[in-house]
């Protein structure tokens, strides 16, 4: 089973709320903070649920400003908080 990962850069003031909302979709993804100072989170999702997560993120983008960060970005590699 291969898990997919997305890194999202949020506004700091939205960090906790977006994490809370995503964690509410139990079984679709898990969330971990990569760096709270710059509001980076890692979203790990189960295989086959990419479209479900994409729909959720599209809805969230209508209310919050955040962006995808390429997984190879050295800004977050090896960091955790």
C-alpha atoms as a PDB file:
ATOM      1  CA  UNK A   1       0.000   0.000   0.000  1.00  0.00           C
ATOM      2  CA  UNK A   2       1.541   3.276  -1.156  1.00  0.00           C
ATOM      3  CA  UNK A   3       0.538   6.440   0.706  1.00  0.00           C
ATOM      4  CA  UNK A   4       0.499   9.823  -1.006  1.00  0.00           C
ATOM      5  CA  UNK A   5       1.744  12.998   0.626  1.00  0.00           C
ATOM      6  CA  UNK A   6       0.966  16.672   0.042  1.00  0.00           C
ATOM      7  CA  UNK A   7       2.652  19.607   1.724  1.00  0.00           C
ATOM      8  CA  UNK A   8       0.540  22.724   2.206  1.00  0.00           C
ATOM      9  CA  UNK A   9       1.637  26.233   3.173  1.00  0.00           C
ATOM     10  CA  UNK A  10      -1.096  28.005   5.098  1.00  0.00           C
ATOM     11  CA  UNK A  11      -1.535  31.327   6.801  1.00  0.00           C
ATOM     12  CA  UNK A  12      -0.405  30.925  10.408  1.00  0.00           C
ATOM     13  CA  UNK A  13      -3.771  32.115  11.703  1.00  0.00           C
ATOM     14  CA  UNK A  14      -5.521  29.338   9.706  1.00  0.00           C
ATOM     15  CA  UNK A  15      -3.188  26.498  10.709  1.00  0.00           C
ATOM     16  CA  UNK A  16      -5.167  24.997  13.596  1.00  0.00           C
ATOM     17  CA  UNK A  17      -8.577  25.417  11.969  1.00  0.00           C
ATOM     18  CA  UNK A  18      -7.553  23.791   8.674  1.00  0.00           C
ATOM     19  CA  UNK A  19      -5.867  20.923  10.524  1.00  0.00           C
ATOM     20  CA  UNK A  20      -9.030  20.441  12.587  1.00  0.00           C
ATOM     21  CA  UNK A  21     -11.259  20.447   9.491  1.00  0.00           C
ATOM     22  CA  UNK A  22      -9.062  17.958   7.600  1.00  0.00           C
ATOM     23  CA  UNK A  23      -8.786  15.643  10.607  1.00  0.00           C
ATOM     24  CA  UNK A  24     -12.592  15.622  10.714  1.00  0.00           C
ATOM     25  CA  UNK A  25     -12.582  13.683   7.441  1.00  0.00           C
ATOM     26  CA  UNK A  26     -11.549  10.549   9.292  1.00  0.00           C
ATOM     27  CA  UNK A  27     -10.019   7.830   7.169  1.00  0.00           C
ATOM     28  CA  UNK A  28      -9.165  10.076   4.219  1.00  0.00           C
ATOM     29  CA  UNK A  29      -5.959  11.645   5.477  1.00  0.00           C
ATOM     30  CA  UNK A  30      -3.738  12.278   8.450  1.00  0.00           C
ATOM     31  CA  UNK A  31      -2.185  15.647   9.211  1.00  0.00           C
ATOM     32  CA  UNK A  32       1.127  16.540  10.783  1.00  0.00           C
ATOM     33  CA  UNK A  33       2.774  19.898  11.276  1.00  0.00           C
ATOM     34  CA  UNK A  34       6.059  20.222   9.408  1.00  0.00           C
ATOM     35  CA  UNK A  35       6.915  23.719  10.647  1.00  0.00           C
ATOM     36  CA  UNK A  36       4.460  25.773  12.691  1.00  0.00           C
ATOM     37  CA  UNK A  37       6.550  28.951  12.314  1.00  0.00           C
ATOM     38  CA  UNK A  38       5.827  29.065   8.574  1.00  0.00           C
ATOM     39  CA  UNK A  39       2.552  27.092   8.768  1.00  0.00           C
ATOM     40  CA  UNK A  40       3.558  24.027   6.742  1.00  0.00           C
ATOM     41  CA  UNK A  41       1.540  20.841   7.149  1.00  0.00           C
ATOM     42  CA  UNK A  42       1.981  17.375   5.677  1.00  0.00           C
ATOM     43  CA  UNK A  43      -1.201  15.664   4.496  1.00  0.00           C
ATOM     44  CA  UNK A  44      -0.812  11.907   4.108  1.00  0.00           C
ATOM     45  CA  UNK A  45      -3.653  10.175   2.324  1.00  0.00           C
ATOM     46  CA  UNK A  46      -4.744   6.649   1.694  1.00  0.00           C
ATOM     47  CA  UNK A  47      -4.541   5.189  -1.816  1.00  0.00           C
ATOM     48  CA  UNK A  48      -7.585   5.804  -3.960  1.00  0.00           C
ATOM     49  CA  UNK A  49      -8.734   8.825  -1.959  1.00  0.00           C
ATOM     50  CA  UNK A  50      -6.891  11.477  -3.962  1.00  0.00           C
ATOM     51  CA  UNK A  51     -10.053  12.776  -5.627  1.00  0.00           C
ATOM     52  CA  UNK A  52     -11.889  12.989  -2.292  1.00  0.00           C
ATOM     53  CA  UNK A  53      -9.049  15.027  -0.792  1.00  0.00           C
ATOM     54  CA  UNK A  54      -8.874  17.187  -3.902  1.00  0.00           C
ATOM     55  CA  UNK A  55     -12.584  18.040  -3.522  1.00  0.00           C
ATOM     56  CA  UNK A  56     -12.117  18.883   0.155  1.00  0.00           C
ATOM     57  CA  UNK A  57      -9.108  21.110  -0.587  1.00  0.00           C
ATOM     58  CA  UNK A  58     -10.982  22.864  -3.406  1.00  0.00           C
ATOM     59  CA  UNK A  59     -13.806  23.701  -0.977  1.00  0.00           C
ATOM     60  CA  UNK A  60     -11.334  24.913   1.639  1.00  0.00           C
ATOM     61  CA  UNK A  61      -9.576  27.100  -0.950  1.00  0.00           C
ATOM     62  CA  UNK A  62     -12.817  29.028  -1.388  1.00  0.00           C
ATOM     63  CA  UNK A  63     -12.524  30.154   2.249  1.00  0.00           C
ATOM     64  CA  UNK A  64      -8.798  30.005   3.033  1.00  0.00           C
ATOM     65  CA  UNK A  65      -5.651  31.022   1.217  1.00  0.00           C
ATOM     66  CA  UNK A  66      -3.070  28.210   1.011  1.00  0.00           C
ATOM     67  CA  UNK A  67      -0.773  26.639  -1.541  1.00  0.00           C
ATOM     68  CA  UNK A  68       0.796  23.297  -2.395  1.00  0.00           C
ATOM     69  CA  UNK A  69       4.537  23.019  -1.768  1.00  0.00           C
ATOM     70  CA  UNK A  70       6.600  20.636  -3.906  1.00  0.00           C
ATOM     71  CA  UNK A  71       7.631  17.604  -1.799  1.00  0.00           C
ATOM     72  CA  UNK A  72      11.281  18.068  -2.752  1.00  0.00           C
ATOM     73  CA  UNK A  73      11.395  21.594  -1.311  1.00  0.00           C
ATOM     74  CA  UNK A  74      14.418  21.765   0.989  1.00  0.00           C
ATOM     75  CA  UNK A  75      12.567  24.274   3.159  1.00  0.00           C
ATOM     76  CA  UNK A  76      10.747  21.483   4.996  1.00  0.00           C
ATOM     77  CA  UNK A  77      12.920  18.392   4.499  1.00  0.00           C
ATOM     78  CA  UNK A  78      13.886  16.890   7.810  1.00  0.00           C
ATOM     79  CA  UNK A  79      11.832  19.340   9.867  1.00  0.00           C
ATOM     80  CA  UNK A  80       9.077  18.501  12.276  1.00  0.00           C
ATOM     81  CA  UNK A  81       7.545  20.402  15.133  1.00  0.00           C
END
